[in-house]
Amino acid sequence: MKFTTDIDKGTALRRHKVIGKLSKNKLLESLGKLYTAPDFQPDMDVLWDLREADLSVFSTVDIELVRDFVGARWGTGGSSRAALVVSRDVDFGLSRMFEMLLESHTTSKVQVFRDMDEALEWLGS
């Protein structure tokens, strides 16, 4: 799995790109490093490019663990938004489950997209 992050301080947008099979452990490890980085701001919007990722190894329990980890560290001010962009049907379904679970535990907004331009437009609105 390849996980990259780019933080645009000018727009306060964090972009993640994941390529390959994404596991819960690798995701939590990568996010743990990110959340302790000096340029991380908990209320910045985030774009997840998951179009080349494979989320098929995630179970409901895994999604709940990620939700709890992210919910405790990101979007604590309630104004953050996360756009998840996927290309496969199975990844869309799993991402929608994460969207519903995270929104039930935070006031931040999460939305799943199949089109990058739509995701960027939503984040820019």
N, C-alpha and C. Protein backbone atom coordinates (compact mmCIF):
# COMPACT_ATOMS: atom_id res chain seq x y z
N MET A 1 0.83 -1.18 0.00
CA MET A 1 0.00 0.00 0.00
C MET A 1 0.87 1.24 0.00
N LYS A 2 0.48 2.22 -0.77
CA LYS A 2 1.17 3.50 -0.78
C LYS A 2 0.19 4.57 -0.28
N PHE A 3 0.63 5.35 0.70
CA PHE A 3 -0.21 6.37 1.34
C PHE A 3 0.57 7.68 1.30
N THR A 4 0.05 8.68 0.60
CA THR A 4 0.71 9.99 0.56
C THR A 4 -0.23 11.07 1.06
N THR A 5 0.35 12.11 1.62
CA THR A 5 -0.41 13.24 2.14
C THR A 5 0.21 14.53 1.68
N ASP A 6 -0.64 15.46 1.30
CA ASP A 6 -0.21 16.80 0.92
C ASP A 6 -1.11 17.78 1.67
N ILE A 7 -0.51 18.73 2.36
CA ILE A 7 -1.29 19.74 3.09
C ILE A 7 -1.06 21.09 2.44
N ASP A 8 -2.14 21.69 1.96
CA ASP A 8 -2.10 23.01 1.36
C ASP A 8 -2.47 24.01 2.44
N LYS A 9 -1.48 24.70 2.97
CA LYS A 9 -1.75 25.64 4.06
C LYS A 9 -2.59 26.83 3.60
N GLY A 10 -2.48 27.19 2.33
CA GLY A 10 -3.24 28.32 1.81
C GLY A 10 -4.74 28.08 1.81
N THR A 11 -5.15 26.87 1.45
CA THR A 11 -6.58 26.55 1.42
C THR A 11 -7.01 25.73 2.63
N ALA A 12 -6.06 25.35 3.47
CA ALA A 12 -6.33 24.50 4.64
C ALA A 12 -7.00 23.19 4.20
N LEU A 13 -6.53 22.66 3.08
CA LEU A 13 -7.04 21.38 2.57
C LEU A 13 -5.93 20.34 2.65
N ARG A 14 -6.29 19.22 3.24
CA ARG A 14 -5.38 18.09 3.33
C ARG A 14 -5.83 17.06 2.29
N ARG A 15 -4.89 16.57 1.48
CA ARG A 15 -5.18 15.58 0.46
C ARG A 15 -4.42 14.29 0.75
N HIS A 16 -5.17 13.20 0.74
CA HIS A 16 -4.57 11.88 0.89
C HIS A 16 -4.80 11.09 -0.39
N LYS A 17 -3.80 10.34 -0.78
CA LYS A 17 -3.95 9.41 -1.90
C LYS A 17 -3.48 8.05 -1.43
N VAL A 18 -4.32 7.05 -1.69
CA VAL A 18 -4.01 5.68 -1.30
C VAL A 18 -4.02 4.82 -2.56
N ILE A 19 -2.96 4.03 -2.71
CA ILE A 19 -2.86 3.10 -3.83
C ILE A 19 -2.61 1.71 -3.25
N GLY A 20 -3.42 0.76 -3.69
CA GLY A 20 -3.25 -0.62 -3.24
C GLY A 20 -4.20 -1.00 -2.12
N LYS A 21 -3.96 -2.17 -1.55
CA LYS A 21 -4.84 -2.72 -0.52
C LYS A 21 -4.61 -1.98 0.79
N LEU A 22 -5.64 -1.33 1.26
CA LEU A 22 -5.56 -0.54 2.49
C LEU A 22 -6.03 -1.38 3.66
N SER A 23 -5.16 -1.52 4.65
CA SER A 23 -5.52 -2.26 5.86
C SER A 23 -5.78 -1.28 7.00
N LYS A 24 -6.55 -1.74 7.95
CA LYS A 24 -6.86 -0.93 9.13
C LYS A 24 -5.59 -0.54 9.86
N ASN A 25 -4.68 -1.49 10.06
CA ASN A 25 -3.45 -1.20 10.81
C ASN A 25 -2.59 -0.16 10.11
N LYS A 26 -2.40 -0.30 8.81
CA LYS A 26 -1.58 0.65 8.06
C LYS A 26 -2.25 2.02 8.05
N LEU A 27 -3.57 2.06 7.91
CA LEU A 27 -4.28 3.33 7.92
C LEU A 27 -4.13 4.02 9.27
N LEU A 28 -4.33 3.30 10.35
CA LEU A 28 -4.21 3.90 11.69
C LEU A 28 -2.78 4.36 11.97
N GLU A 29 -1.80 3.59 11.51
CA GLU A 29 -0.40 3.99 11.67
C GLU A 29 -0.11 5.30 10.92
N SER A 30 -0.57 5.38 9.68
CA SER A 30 -0.34 6.57 8.86
C SER A 30 -1.07 7.78 9.44
N LEU A 31 -2.30 7.59 9.88
CA LEU A 31 -3.04 8.70 10.47
C LEU A 31 -2.45 9.14 11.80
N GLY A 32 -1.96 8.19 12.58
CA GLY A 32 -1.31 8.53 13.86
C GLY A 32 -0.12 9.45 13.65
N LYS A 33 0.68 9.17 12.62
CA LYS A 33 1.82 10.03 12.31
C LYS A 33 1.33 11.40 11.83
N LEU A 34 0.31 11.40 11.01
CA LEU A 34 -0.22 12.66 10.49
C LEU A 34 -0.77 13.53 11.61
N TYR A 35 -1.56 12.94 12.51
CA TYR A 35 -2.22 13.71 13.56
C TYR A 35 -1.24 14.30 14.57
N THR A 36 0.00 13.83 14.58
CA THR A 36 1.01 14.40 15.47
C THR A 36 2.00 15.30 14.72
N ALA A 37 1.81 15.46 13.43
CA ALA A 37 2.69 16.32 12.62
C ALA A 37 2.47 17.79 12.98
N PRO A 38 3.51 18.61 12.95
CA PRO A 38 3.38 20.01 13.35
C PRO A 38 2.45 20.84 12.46
N ASP A 39 2.29 20.46 11.19
CA ASP A 39 1.42 21.25 10.31
C ASP A 39 -0.01 20.72 10.25
N PHE A 40 -0.34 19.70 11.05
CA PHE A 40 -1.70 19.19 11.10
C PHE A 40 -2.60 20.12 11.90
N GLN A 41 -3.75 20.44 11.34
CA GLN A 41 -4.78 21.21 12.04
C GLN A 41 -6.04 20.35 12.08
N PRO A 42 -6.60 20.12 13.25
CA PRO A 42 -7.72 19.18 13.35
C PRO A 42 -8.98 19.61 12.61
N ASP A 43 -9.10 20.89 12.28
CA ASP A 43 -10.33 21.32 11.62
C ASP A 43 -10.18 21.60 10.13
N MET A 44 -9.09 21.13 9.52
CA MET A 44 -8.95 21.33 8.08
C MET A 44 -9.80 20.30 7.32
N ASP A 45 -10.27 20.72 6.15
CA ASP A 45 -11.01 19.81 5.29
C ASP A 45 -10.04 18.80 4.69
N VAL A 46 -10.58 17.67 4.25
CA VAL A 46 -9.72 16.61 3.75
C VAL A 46 -10.34 15.95 2.51
N LEU A 47 -9.49 15.66 1.56
CA LEU A 47 -9.88 14.94 0.35
C LEU A 47 -9.13 13.61 0.34
N TRP A 48 -9.88 12.53 0.30
CA TRP A 48 -9.30 11.19 0.22
C TRP A 48 -9.48 10.68 -1.19
N ASP A 49 -8.36 10.50 -1.92
CA ASP A 49 -8.39 9.92 -3.25
C ASP A 49 -8.17 8.42 -3.09
N LEU A 50 -9.26 7.67 -3.14
CA LEU A 50 -9.22 6.23 -2.94
C LEU A 50 -9.50 5.48 -4.25
N ARG A 51 -9.38 6.17 -5.38
CA ARG A 51 -9.73 5.57 -6.67
C ARG A 51 -8.83 4.40 -7.04
N GLU A 52 -7.60 4.37 -6.52
CA GLU A 52 -6.69 3.27 -6.81
C GLU A 52 -6.47 2.39 -5.58
N ALA A 53 -7.33 2.55 -4.59
CA ALA A 53 -7.22 1.76 -3.36
C ALA A 53 -8.16 0.57 -3.41
N ASP A 54 -7.86 -0.40 -2.59
CA ASP A 54 -8.71 -1.58 -2.42
C ASP A 54 -9.07 -1.63 -0.94
N LEU A 55 -10.35 -1.41 -0.65
CA LEU A 55 -10.82 -1.37 0.73
C LEU A 55 -11.47 -2.68 1.17
N SER A 56 -11.37 -3.70 0.34
CA SER A 56 -12.14 -4.93 0.55
C SER A 56 -11.79 -5.68 1.83
N VAL A 57 -10.65 -5.39 2.45
CA VAL A 57 -10.28 -6.12 3.67
C VAL A 57 -10.95 -5.53 4.92
N PHE A 58 -11.65 -4.41 4.80
CA PHE A 58 -12.27 -3.78 5.96
C PHE A 58 -13.55 -4.49 6.36
N SER A 59 -13.66 -4.77 7.66
CA SER A 59 -14.89 -5.31 8.23
C SER A 59 -15.64 -4.17 8.92
N THR A 60 -16.84 -4.43 9.37
CA THR A 60 -17.60 -3.43 10.11
C THR A 60 -16.86 -3.03 11.38
N VAL A 61 -16.25 -3.98 12.06
CA VAL A 61 -15.49 -3.69 13.27
C VAL A 61 -14.31 -2.78 12.94
N ASP A 62 -13.61 -3.07 11.83
CA ASP A 62 -12.49 -2.23 11.41
C ASP A 62 -12.95 -0.80 11.15
N ILE A 63 -14.06 -0.66 10.46
CA ILE A 63 -14.59 0.67 10.14
C ILE A 63 -14.94 1.42 11.42
N GLU A 64 -15.50 0.72 12.40
CA GLU A 64 -15.83 1.36 13.67
C GLU A 64 -14.57 1.79 14.42
N LEU A 65 -13.51 1.00 14.38
CA LEU A 65 -12.25 1.37 15.03
C LEU A 65 -11.64 2.61 14.37
N VAL A 66 -11.67 2.66 13.05
CA VAL A 66 -11.16 3.83 12.33
C VAL A 66 -12.02 5.05 12.65
N ARG A 67 -13.32 4.87 12.69
CA ARG A 67 -14.23 5.96 13.04
C ARG A 67 -13.89 6.54 14.41
N ASP A 68 -13.68 5.68 15.39
CA ASP A 68 -13.37 6.16 16.74
C ASP A 68 -12.03 6.89 16.77
N PHE A 69 -11.04 6.36 16.07
CA PHE A 69 -9.72 6.97 16.02
C PHE A 69 -9.78 8.34 15.36
N VAL A 70 -10.42 8.41 14.19
CA VAL A 70 -10.53 9.67 13.45
C VAL A 70 -11.42 10.66 14.21
N GLY A 71 -12.54 10.19 14.71
CA GLY A 71 -13.49 11.06 15.39
C GLY A 71 -12.91 11.75 16.61
N ALA A 72 -11.94 11.13 17.26
CA ALA A 72 -11.31 11.72 18.44
C ALA A 72 -10.23 12.74 18.10
N ARG A 73 -9.81 12.77 16.83
CA ARG A 73 -8.66 13.62 16.46
C ARG A 73 -8.94 14.62 15.35
N TRP A 74 -9.93 14.38 14.52
CA TRP A 74 -10.20 15.24 13.38
C TRP A 74 -11.59 15.85 13.51
N GLY A 75 -11.72 17.09 13.08
CA GLY A 75 -13.03 17.72 13.04
C GLY A 75 -13.62 18.04 14.40
N THR A 76 -12.77 18.31 15.36
CA THR A 76 -13.26 18.55 16.72
C THR A 76 -13.99 19.88 16.85
N GLY A 77 -13.78 20.79 15.90
CA GLY A 77 -14.48 22.08 15.94
C GLY A 77 -15.83 22.05 15.26
N GLY A 78 -16.12 20.97 14.54
CA GLY A 78 -17.44 20.80 13.96
C GLY A 78 -17.65 21.41 12.59
N SER A 79 -16.64 22.02 12.01
CA SER A 79 -16.85 22.65 10.71
C SER A 79 -16.09 21.96 9.59
N SER A 80 -15.45 20.86 9.86
CA SER A 80 -14.64 20.18 8.86
C SER A 80 -15.49 19.34 7.93
N ARG A 81 -14.94 19.12 6.73
CA ARG A 81 -15.58 18.26 5.75
C ARG A 81 -14.55 17.30 5.18
N ALA A 82 -15.01 16.09 4.91
CA ALA A 82 -14.16 15.08 4.28
C ALA A 82 -14.87 14.55 3.05
N ALA A 83 -14.17 14.58 1.92
CA ALA A 83 -14.67 14.01 0.68
C ALA A 83 -13.85 12.76 0.39
N LEU A 84 -14.53 11.65 0.18
CA LEU A 84 -13.89 10.39 -0.16
C LEU A 84 -14.24 10.07 -1.60
N VAL A 85 -13.24 9.90 -2.45
CA VAL A 85 -13.48 9.63 -3.86
C VAL A 85 -13.05 8.19 -4.16
N VAL A 86 -13.98 7.39 -4.65
CA VAL A 86 -13.74 5.98 -4.93
C VAL A 86 -14.15 5.67 -6.37
N SER A 87 -13.73 4.50 -6.85
CA SER A 87 -14.10 4.12 -8.20
C SER A 87 -14.86 2.79 -8.25
N ARG A 88 -14.68 1.94 -7.25
CA ARG A 88 -15.32 0.61 -7.28
C ARG A 88 -16.58 0.59 -6.41
N ASP A 89 -17.56 -0.21 -6.81
CA ASP A 89 -18.82 -0.31 -6.08
C ASP A 89 -18.62 -0.75 -4.64
N VAL A 90 -17.77 -1.76 -4.41
CA VAL A 90 -17.56 -2.25 -3.06
C VAL A 90 -16.94 -1.17 -2.18
N ASP A 91 -16.02 -0.39 -2.73
CA ASP A 91 -15.40 0.69 -1.97
C ASP A 91 -16.39 1.81 -1.70
N PHE A 92 -17.31 2.04 -2.63
CA PHE A 92 -18.35 3.05 -2.43
C PHE A 92 -19.22 2.64 -1.24
N GLY A 93 -19.62 1.38 -1.19
CA GLY A 93 -20.46 0.90 -0.10
C GLY A 93 -19.77 0.99 1.25
N LEU A 94 -18.52 0.56 1.31
CA LEU A 94 -17.77 0.63 2.56
C LEU A 94 -17.54 2.08 2.99
N SER A 95 -17.27 2.95 2.03
CA SER A 95 -17.05 4.37 2.34
C SER A 95 -18.33 5.03 2.82
N ARG A 96 -19.46 4.63 2.26
CA ARG A 96 -20.74 5.18 2.72
C ARG A 96 -21.01 4.74 4.16
N MET A 97 -20.65 3.52 4.50
CA MET A 97 -20.82 3.05 5.87
C MET A 97 -19.97 3.91 6.81
N PHE A 98 -18.72 4.16 6.42
CA PHE A 98 -17.84 5.01 7.23
C PHE A 98 -18.44 6.41 7.35
N GLU A 99 -18.97 6.95 6.24
CA GLU A 99 -19.60 8.28 6.26
C GLU A 99 -20.69 8.34 7.32
N MET A 100 -21.59 7.39 7.30
CA MET A 100 -22.72 7.39 8.25
C MET A 100 -22.23 7.22 9.69
N LEU A 101 -21.28 6.32 9.90
CA LEU A 101 -20.77 6.09 11.25
C LEU A 101 -20.02 7.30 11.80
N LEU A 102 -19.19 7.94 10.97
CA LEU A 102 -18.43 9.09 11.44
C LEU A 102 -19.35 10.28 11.71
N GLU A 103 -20.31 10.51 10.82
CA GLU A 103 -21.21 11.64 11.03
C GLU A 103 -22.09 11.44 12.27
N SER A 104 -22.30 10.20 12.68
CA SER A 104 -23.09 9.97 13.90
C SER A 104 -22.28 10.23 15.17
N HIS A 105 -20.94 10.41 15.03
CA HIS A 105 -20.07 10.62 16.18
C HIS A 105 -19.33 11.96 16.15
N THR A 106 -19.63 12.78 15.17
CA THR A 106 -18.99 14.09 15.07
C THR A 106 -19.94 15.04 14.35
N THR A 107 -19.70 16.32 14.47
CA THR A 107 -20.52 17.29 13.75
C THR A 107 -19.92 17.64 12.39
N SER A 108 -18.81 17.05 12.05
CA SER A 108 -18.19 17.27 10.75
C SER A 108 -18.98 16.52 9.67
N LYS A 109 -18.83 16.96 8.44
CA LYS A 109 -19.55 16.38 7.31
C LYS A 109 -18.62 15.49 6.50
N VAL A 110 -19.16 14.37 6.05
CA VAL A 110 -18.43 13.42 5.22
C VAL A 110 -19.32 13.08 4.04
N GLN A 111 -18.73 13.01 2.85
CA GLN A 111 -19.50 12.63 1.68
C GLN A 111 -18.62 11.79 0.75
N VAL A 112 -19.23 10.78 0.14
CA VAL A 112 -18.53 9.89 -0.77
C VAL A 112 -18.88 10.27 -2.20
N PHE A 113 -17.87 10.28 -3.05
CA PHE A 113 -18.04 10.65 -4.45
C PHE A 113 -17.39 9.62 -5.35
N ARG A 114 -17.83 9.60 -6.59
CA ARG A 114 -17.18 8.80 -7.63
C ARG A 114 -16.42 9.70 -8.60
N ASP A 115 -16.60 11.01 -8.48
CA ASP A 115 -16.00 11.98 -9.40
C ASP A 115 -15.17 12.99 -8.61
N MET A 116 -13.90 13.14 -8.98
CA MET A 116 -12.99 14.04 -8.27
C MET A 116 -13.44 15.49 -8.35
N ASP A 117 -13.90 15.93 -9.52
CA ASP A 117 -14.33 17.32 -9.67
C ASP A 117 -15.52 17.65 -8.77
N GLU A 118 -16.46 16.73 -8.66
CA GLU A 118 -17.61 16.93 -7.76
C GLU A 118 -17.16 17.03 -6.30
N ALA A 119 -16.21 16.20 -5.93
CA ALA A 119 -15.69 16.23 -4.56
C ALA A 119 -15.02 17.57 -4.27
N LEU A 120 -14.19 18.02 -5.20
CA LEU A 120 -13.50 19.30 -5.01
C LEU A 120 -14.49 20.46 -4.98
N GLU A 121 -15.52 20.38 -5.81
CA GLU A 121 -16.55 21.43 -5.80
C GLU A 121 -17.27 21.46 -4.45
N TRP A 122 -17.61 20.29 -3.92
CA TRP A 122 -18.28 20.21 -2.63
C TRP A 122 -17.39 20.78 -1.52
N LEU A 123 -16.12 20.44 -1.56
CA LEU A 123 -15.20 20.97 -0.55
C LEU A 123 -15.01 22.48 -0.68
N GLY A 124 -15.12 23.00 -1.89
CA GLY A 124 -14.93 24.44 -2.12
C GLY A 124 -16.15 25.27 -1.85
N SER A 125 -17.28 24.63 -1.65
CA SER A 125 -18.53 25.40 -1.45
C SER A 125 -18.67 25.91 -0.04
